[in-house]
Protein backbone atom coordinates (compact mmCIF):
# COMPACT_ATOMS: atom_id res chain seq x y z
CA MET A 1 0.00 0.00 0.00
CA LYS A 2 1.12 3.55 -0.65
CA ARG A 3 2.23 5.66 2.26
CA PHE A 4 2.67 9.37 2.91
CA ASN A 5 6.10 10.75 2.15
CA VAL A 6 7.78 10.81 5.58
CA GLY A 7 8.97 14.41 5.26
CA ILE A 8 5.56 15.75 4.29
CA PHE A 9 3.88 13.62 6.94
CA CYS A 10 6.14 15.18 9.58
CA LEU A 11 5.42 18.64 8.20
CA LEU A 12 1.66 17.99 8.48
CA LEU A 13 2.17 16.77 12.03
CA CYS A 14 4.10 19.91 12.92
CA CYS A 15 1.30 22.06 11.48
CA VAL A 16 -1.25 20.26 13.64
CA ARG A 17 0.82 20.79 16.76
CA SER A 18 1.59 24.43 15.98
CA THR A 19 -2.10 25.25 15.57
CA SER A 20 -3.26 23.38 18.67
CA LEU A 21 -4.25 25.39 21.73
CA LYS A 22 -2.31 22.98 23.94
CA ALA A 23 0.44 20.39 23.55
CA GLU A 24 -0.44 16.74 23.10
CA SER A 25 -0.48 14.57 26.20
CA PRO A 26 2.63 12.49 27.01
CA GLU A 27 0.64 9.33 26.18
CA VAL A 28 -0.19 10.64 22.70
CA GLU A 29 3.39 11.81 22.11
CA LYS A 30 4.66 8.34 23.05
CA ALA A 31 2.07 6.63 20.84
CA ARG A 32 3.04 8.83 17.88
CA GLN A 33 6.65 7.70 18.27
CA TYR A 34 6.35 4.06 19.31
CA GLY A 35 2.75 3.13 18.51
CA ALA A 36 -0.29 2.14 20.57
CA GLN A 37 -2.92 -0.55 20.18
CA GLY A 38 -5.94 0.30 18.05
CA GLN A 39 -9.09 -1.67 17.37
CA VAL A 40 -12.01 -1.02 15.04
CA THR A 41 -15.15 -2.84 13.94
CA LEU A 42 -15.97 -2.40 10.26
CA ARG A 43 -19.66 -2.69 9.42
CA ILE A 44 -19.95 -3.44 5.71
CA VAL A 45 -23.26 -2.53 4.06
CA ASP A 46 -24.47 -2.22 0.48
CA SER A 47 -25.87 0.97 -1.03
CA THR A 48 -29.27 0.27 0.58
CA ASN A 49 -27.66 -0.12 4.05
CA LYS A 50 -28.15 -3.89 4.05
CA PRO A 51 -25.29 -5.80 5.79
CA VAL A 52 -22.94 -7.64 3.41
CA GLU A 53 -22.01 -11.11 4.63
CA LYS A 54 -18.78 -12.87 3.56
CA ALA A 55 -17.14 -9.74 2.17
CA GLN A 56 -13.36 -10.09 2.14
CA VAL A 57 -11.63 -7.50 4.32
CA SER A 58 -7.95 -6.58 4.55
CA VAL A 59 -6.81 -4.09 7.21
CA ALA A 60 -3.28 -2.73 7.61
CA PHE A 61 -2.08 -1.01 10.80
CA TRP A 62 1.08 1.09 10.65
CA PRO A 63 3.39 0.89 13.69
CA SER A 64 5.93 3.01 11.77
CA ASP A 65 6.27 4.90 8.49
CA SER A 66 7.75 1.80 6.82
CA SER A 67 5.49 -0.44 4.73
CA ALA A 68 7.63 -3.39 5.79
CA ASP A 69 6.33 -3.03 9.37
CA ALA A 70 2.64 -3.16 8.43
CA ILE A 71 0.44 -5.37 10.61
CA VAL A 72 -2.16 -6.94 8.31
CA SER A 73 -5.45 -8.44 9.46
CA GLU A 74 -7.55 -10.33 6.91
CA GLY A 75 -10.82 -12.22 6.98
CA TYR A 76 -14.52 -12.14 6.11
CA THR A 77 -17.54 -10.31 7.49
CA ASP A 78 -20.08 -12.22 9.58
CA THR A 79 -23.84 -12.45 9.01
CA LYS A 80 -24.21 -8.89 10.35
CA GLY A 81 -21.57 -7.52 7.99
CA LEU A 82 -19.07 -7.03 10.85
CA PHE A 83 -15.30 -7.49 10.89
CA VAL A 84 -13.06 -6.69 13.89
CA ALA A 85 -9.43 -5.69 13.35
CA LYS A 86 -6.72 -4.91 15.90
CA GLY A 87 -3.10 -3.80 15.64
CA LYS A 88 -0.37 -1.48 16.83
CA THR A 89 -0.15 1.87 15.03
CA ILE A 90 1.36 5.33 15.29
CA GLY A 91 -1.93 6.83 14.19
CA ASP A 92 -3.75 5.25 11.24
CA MET A 93 -4.93 2.17 9.41
CA ASN A 94 -6.08 1.37 5.87
CA TYR A 95 -8.75 -1.08 4.77
CA THR A 96 -9.84 -2.74 1.54
CA VAL A 97 -13.17 -4.53 1.10
CA THR A 98 -14.08 -6.77 -1.86
CA LYS A 99 -16.73 -9.29 -2.83
CA GLU A 100 -17.85 -10.80 -6.11
CA GLY A 101 -20.76 -8.80 -7.47
CA PHE A 102 -19.60 -5.60 -5.72
CA TYR A 103 -17.22 -2.75 -6.47
CA LYS A 104 -14.04 -2.63 -4.37
CA THR A 105 -14.01 -0.08 -1.54
CA THR A 106 -10.91 1.35 0.15
CA GLY A 107 -10.66 3.69 3.11
CA LYS A 108 -8.54 5.00 5.94
CA TYR A 109 -9.12 5.54 9.64
CA TRP A 110 -7.04 7.96 11.69
CA PHE A 111 -6.71 7.29 15.39
CA TYR A 112 -4.68 10.50 15.37
CA ARG A 113 -6.21 13.16 13.14
CA PRO A 114 -3.75 15.09 10.93
CA SER A 115 -4.31 18.38 9.18
CA GLY A 116 -6.10 18.32 5.82
CA LEU A 117 -9.37 16.93 7.17
CA ASP A 118 -12.54 18.40 5.71
CA ALA A 119 -14.78 18.27 8.79
CA SER A 120 -17.95 18.70 6.72
CA THR A 121 -17.33 15.61 4.57
CA ASN A 122 -14.83 13.56 6.58
CA SER A 123 -12.70 13.35 3.46
CA ALA A 124 -9.36 14.54 2.23
CA THR A 125 -6.74 13.93 -0.42
CA SER A 126 -3.18 12.84 0.11
CA PRO A 127 -0.83 15.76 -0.66
CA THR A 128 1.71 13.42 -2.21
CA SER A 129 -0.14 10.76 -4.21
CA GLY A 130 -3.53 12.37 -4.78
CA GLU A 131 -5.16 9.28 -3.32
CA TYR A 132 -8.46 9.76 -1.59
CA TRP A 133 -9.66 8.10 1.61
CA LEU A 134 -12.76 8.24 3.73
CA TYR A 135 -11.71 9.70 7.06
CA HIS A 136 -13.54 9.20 10.32
CA GLN A 137 -13.92 11.40 13.37
CA GLN A 138 -11.93 10.43 16.45
CA GLU A 139 -10.19 11.82 19.51
CA ASN A 140 -6.45 12.33 19.83
CA THR A 141 -6.42 10.35 23.07
CA VAL A 142 -4.46 7.37 24.40
CA LYS A 143 -5.31 5.49 27.59
CA ALA A 144 -3.41 2.48 28.96
CA GLY A 145 -1.57 2.08 25.64
CA ARG A 146 -4.79 2.14 23.60
CA TRP A 147 -6.01 4.70 21.10
CA GLN A 148 -9.41 6.14 22.02
CA PRO A 149 -12.19 5.59 21.32
CA TRP A 150 -11.50 1.87 21.62
CA ASP A 151 -13.22 -0.33 19.05
CA PRO A 152 -15.44 2.22 17.25
CA THR A 153 -17.85 0.84 14.64
CA ILE A 154 -17.17 2.25 11.16
CA ASN A 155 -19.85 2.01 8.48
CA VAL A 156 -18.36 1.15 5.07
CA VAL A 157 -20.48 1.10 1.91
CA LEU A 158 -19.68 -1.66 -0.59
CA LYS A 159 -21.59 -0.72 -3.74
CA GLU A 160 -23.26 -3.63 -5.50
CA HIS A 161 -23.32 -4.27 -9.24
CA ARG A 162 -26.86 -3.35 -10.24
CA ASN A 163 -27.29 -3.14 -13.98
CA PRO A 164 -24.09 -2.35 -15.90
CA VAL A 165 -24.99 -1.42 -19.48
CA PRO A 166 -23.17 -0.85 -22.78
CA MET A 167 -22.04 2.73 -23.35
CA TYR A 168 -19.85 4.79 -25.62
CA ALA A 169 -16.85 5.41 -23.32
CA LYS A 170 -13.75 7.25 -24.43
CA ASN A 171 -10.68 9.18 -23.33
CA ILE A 172 -10.75 12.23 -25.60
CA ASP A 173 -7.55 13.98 -26.69
CA VAL A 174 -8.30 16.07 -29.78
CA PRO A 175 -6.98 19.24 -31.41
CA ILE A 176 -9.32 22.23 -31.18
CA PRO A 177 -9.74 23.09 -34.87
CA VAL A 178 -10.90 26.71 -34.56
CA LEU A 179 -10.44 29.31 -31.83
CA GLY A 180 -13.18 31.76 -30.92
CA CYS A 181 -16.08 29.86 -32.57
CA ARG A 182 -18.63 27.41 -31.23
CA ILE A 183 -17.92 23.91 -32.51
CA GLY A 184 -20.24 20.95 -32.04
CA PHE A 185 -18.96 17.73 -30.47
CA ASP A 186 -20.77 14.41 -31.00
CA LEU A 187 -20.55 12.16 -27.91
CA GLU A 188 -21.76 9.09 -29.79
CA LYS A 189 -19.12 9.47 -32.49
CA GLY A 190 -16.43 10.84 -30.20
CA ASP A 191 -15.59 13.54 -32.71
CA TRP A 192 -16.26 17.11 -33.80
CA VAL A 193 -19.23 17.60 -36.10
CA ALA A 194 -18.70 18.38 -39.78
CA PRO A 195 -16.78 20.08 -41.28
CA TYR A 196 -14.18 19.48 -38.53
CA GLY A 197 -14.90 15.79 -37.91
CA GLN A 198 -17.22 12.84 -38.51
CA GLY A 199 -19.86 13.77 -35.92
CA HIS A 200 -23.55 14.40 -36.67
CA HIS A 201 -25.13 15.53 -33.37
CA ALA A 202 -23.82 18.70 -31.73
CA ASP A 203 -24.30 17.34 -28.21
CA MET A 204 -21.92 19.93 -26.76
CA LEU A 205 -20.99 23.30 -28.22
CA VAL A 206 -17.37 24.14 -27.41
CA GLN A 207 -15.88 27.62 -27.68
CA TYR A 208 -12.22 28.18 -26.84
CA VAL A 209 -10.12 31.33 -26.88
CA ALA A 210 -6.50 31.74 -25.82
CA THR A 211 -3.46 33.98 -26.06
CA TYR A 212 0.03 32.71 -25.25
CA GLU A 213 3.11 34.88 -24.79
CA GLY A 214 5.19 32.09 -23.28
CA PRO A 215 4.89 28.80 -21.36
CA GLN A 216 4.02 30.62 -18.12
CA VAL A 217 2.31 33.69 -19.57
CA PHE A 218 -1.08 33.03 -21.07
CA SER A 219 -4.83 33.57 -20.92
CA LYS A 220 -7.26 30.82 -21.91
CA ARG A 221 -10.99 30.28 -21.63
CA LEU A 222 -13.26 27.33 -22.44
CA GLU A 223 -17.05 27.58 -22.66
CA ILE A 224 -19.34 24.57 -23.13
CA THR A 225 -23.03 25.05 -23.92
CA PHE A 226 -25.71 22.75 -25.30
CA SER A 227 -28.02 22.53 -28.28
CA ASN A 228 -31.40 22.05 -26.61
CA THR A 229 -33.29 24.02 -23.97
CA LEU A 230 -33.28 21.34 -21.24
CA ASP A 231 -29.82 19.95 -22.01
CA GLY A 232 -27.17 20.62 -19.39
CA VAL A 233 -24.87 19.33 -16.66
CA GLN A 234 -24.59 19.09 -12.90
CA PHE A 235 -21.61 18.65 -10.57
CA PRO A 236 -21.83 15.83 -7.99
CA ARG A 237 -18.86 14.79 -5.85
CA LEU A 238 -16.87 11.72 -6.77
CA ASP A 239 -17.00 8.75 -4.44
CA LYS A 240 -13.30 7.91 -4.62
CA THR A 241 -13.56 5.31 -1.88
CA SER A 242 -15.31 3.03 -4.40
CA ASP A 243 -14.27 1.70 -7.79
CA PHE A 244 -17.72 2.91 -8.89
CA MET A 245 -17.31 6.62 -8.29
CA SER A 246 -20.58 8.02 -9.64
CA LEU A 247 -24.27 7.86 -8.88
CA TYR A 248 -26.12 4.87 -10.25
CA ALA A 249 -28.59 7.05 -12.15
CA ALA A 250 -28.63 10.60 -13.49
CA PRO A 251 -30.99 12.92 -11.58
CA GLU A 252 -34.13 14.13 -13.31
CA GLU A 253 -33.68 17.80 -12.32
CA GLY A 254 -30.96 20.31 -11.46
CA TYR A 255 -29.10 20.77 -14.75
CA VAL A 256 -27.31 24.00 -15.72
CA THR A 257 -26.88 25.04 -19.33
CA LYS A 258 -23.34 26.39 -19.40
CA LEU A 259 -19.83 25.42 -18.28
CA GLU A 260 -17.11 28.06 -18.09
CA PHE A 261 -13.44 27.42 -17.34
CA GLU A 262 -10.62 29.94 -17.48
CA ARG A 263 -7.07 30.45 -16.40
CA GLU A 264 -4.83 33.49 -16.71
CA ARG A 265 -1.35 33.95 -15.38
CA THR A 266 1.75 36.11 -15.65
CA GLN A 267 5.33 34.98 -15.16
CA THR A 268 4.95 35.27 -11.39
CA LYS A 269 1.25 35.22 -10.55
CA ILE A 270 -1.99 33.40 -11.35
CA MET A 271 -4.51 36.12 -12.16
CA LYS A 272 -7.59 33.94 -12.78
CA SER A 273 -8.33 30.29 -12.15
CA ARG A 274 -11.74 28.71 -12.59
CA GLU A 275 -11.39 24.99 -13.20
CA MET A 276 -13.25 21.76 -12.53
CA GLU A 277 -12.68 20.70 -8.93
CA LYS A 278 -10.73 17.49 -8.38
CA GLU A 279 -13.51 15.99 -6.25
CA GLN A 280 -16.21 16.63 -8.87
CA TYR A 281 -17.44 14.92 -12.00
CA LEU A 282 -20.16 15.93 -14.46
CA ILE A 283 -23.50 14.30 -15.24
CA PHE A 284 -24.91 15.48 -18.55
CA ARG A 285 -28.25 15.40 -20.32
CA VAL A 286 -28.25 15.91 -24.11
CA ARG A 287 -30.47 15.40 -27.17
CA THR A 288 -33.45 16.49 -25.10
CA ILE A 289 -36.83 16.52 -26.86
CA THR A 290 -39.94 17.98 -25.22
CA ASP A 291 -43.63 17.54 -25.94
CA LYS A 292 -46.14 20.33 -26.45
CA SER A 293 -46.45 20.88 -22.71
CA GLY A 294 -42.73 21.29 -22.29
CA LYS A 295 -42.17 17.93 -20.57
CA ILE A 296 -39.21 15.80 -21.60
CA SER A 297 -40.21 13.02 -23.95
CA SER A 298 -36.71 11.85 -24.84
CA ALA A 299 -33.15 12.53 -23.67
CA ASN A 300 -29.75 10.85 -23.37
CA TYR A 301 -27.56 10.82 -20.27
CA GLY A 302 -23.96 10.20 -19.34
CA LYS A 303 -21.02 11.37 -17.24
CA ILE A 304 -17.65 13.06 -17.60
CA TYR A 305 -14.76 12.28 -15.30
CA GLY A 306 -12.32 15.16 -14.98
CA PRO A 307 -10.21 16.94 -15.21
CA ILE A 308 -11.30 18.71 -18.36
CA GLU A 309 -7.97 19.89 -19.75
CA TYR A 310 -7.58 22.47 -22.47
CA GLY A 311 -4.88 24.74 -23.82
CA ARG A 312 -1.80 24.74 -25.98
CA MET A 313 0.10 21.48 -25.81
CA GLY A 314 3.10 21.47 -28.06
CA ALA A 315 2.18 23.15 -31.33
CA GLN A 316 -1.58 22.58 -30.97
CA HIS A 317 -4.46 23.72 -28.83
CA ARG A 318 -6.09 20.56 -27.46
CA LEU A 319 -9.09 19.36 -25.43
CA LEU A 320 -8.88 16.33 -23.09
CA PHE A 321 -11.53 14.59 -20.98
CA SER A 322 -13.05 11.14 -20.31
CA TYR A 323 -16.74 10.49 -20.84
CA TYR A 324 -19.45 7.80 -20.83
CA PHE A 325 -22.50 8.21 -23.10
CA ASN A 326 -25.58 6.02 -22.67
CA PRO A 327 -27.19 5.73 -26.13
CA ALA A 328 -30.51 4.36 -24.85
CA ALA A 329 -33.06 7.18 -24.91
CA ASN A 330 -34.58 8.02 -21.52
CA ASP A 331 -32.25 5.59 -19.72
CA ARG A 332 -30.66 7.50 -16.82
CA ASN A 333 -28.43 4.55 -15.88
CA LEU A 334 -24.79 5.62 -15.35
CA GLU A 335 -23.39 2.18 -14.50
CA PHE A 336 -21.06 1.29 -17.37
CA ASP A 337 -20.07 -2.27 -18.27
CA PRO A 338 -16.37 -2.03 -19.32
CA SER A 339 -16.71 -5.30 -21.26
CA GLN A 340 -19.36 -3.70 -23.50
CA ASN A 341 -17.79 -0.49 -24.73
CA LEU A 342 -19.59 0.46 -27.94
CA PHE A 343 -16.49 2.03 -29.47
CA ASN A 344 -14.20 -0.14 -31.59
CA TRP A 345 -10.85 -0.21 -29.79
CA LYS A 346 -8.79 -1.84 -32.51
CA ARG A 347 -7.83 1.66 -33.60
CA ASP A 348 -6.23 2.89 -30.38
CA ALA A 349 -6.65 1.08 -27.05
CA ARG A 350 -5.30 4.13 -25.19
CA GLU A 351 -8.65 5.82 -25.75
CA ARG A 352 -10.53 3.17 -23.73
CA PRO A 353 -11.60 4.03 -20.17
CA TYR A 354 -11.54 1.07 -17.80
CA MET A 355 -13.66 2.43 -14.93
CA PRO A 356 -17.32 1.41 -14.53
């Protein structure tokens, strides 16, 4: 398993201590250096909160910053979806949960809470690897050589396979043929519409402008709009604890009709920065048709995993993103079956996304 860089981990620890109103207790200081016993009970449930029996669980406790010292506990959940793990640690443990018919889930529990925690979501991103873990609330307390609270129950969601379906899924990396004009992009064809490509439906209208005076001096802006009145996107948060990071189904309401990204910088300063957040993805609705009363009679749905990258790369201005387009009209299902990608990958396998 990947670990924090030791130097950055120590820097984070120093930041925590410097911002605390009081010093840590001697017991905590000792545990941070030499480790203390920790115990947790993982309660594994599916997306409907039903306990998952016989899920395979692997838990690693870290008595030092060396992966070689990891204390690994492995086994299976009982009929109530419970698994108890115990080990010596200087402050954290990782877990992985798998079962046939489910998407793998990974997470992290901190007996000692470092900086970087988002208290509103109990989530954070590693500053070194970009990995994401589900964090859990706890006290920075040690009693009788044990991290407190002792044996908390942690709810872990193991998302089940529901109904994976064929989709057009593709990693896009294309030149932007014209600057300053709206150009249609066909999500079913994975190409610009004529005369710039082989596409037929202008599912997204892309307009890009940019000026470059050097590698670090530029201004660029990307605007994405849509062809139909009720087309649009919304911005949920990724579930990076699970191999299935999106919602199962696209929502019926809440779509906005325009995306705007921009970045401007000088040699020494970033003047503007409006980009897709790392913890977000996009759900889109396109090809929307309404009846006489204005109600949707037909639409197509899908998702875009970021980042959406754009700008001059080498001699060309390019656009990069990964997307999943469900071609079945009125089917809001976002669960992709990677074995049924509707694109032909004999041309270039690098374009094929592997995530569900």
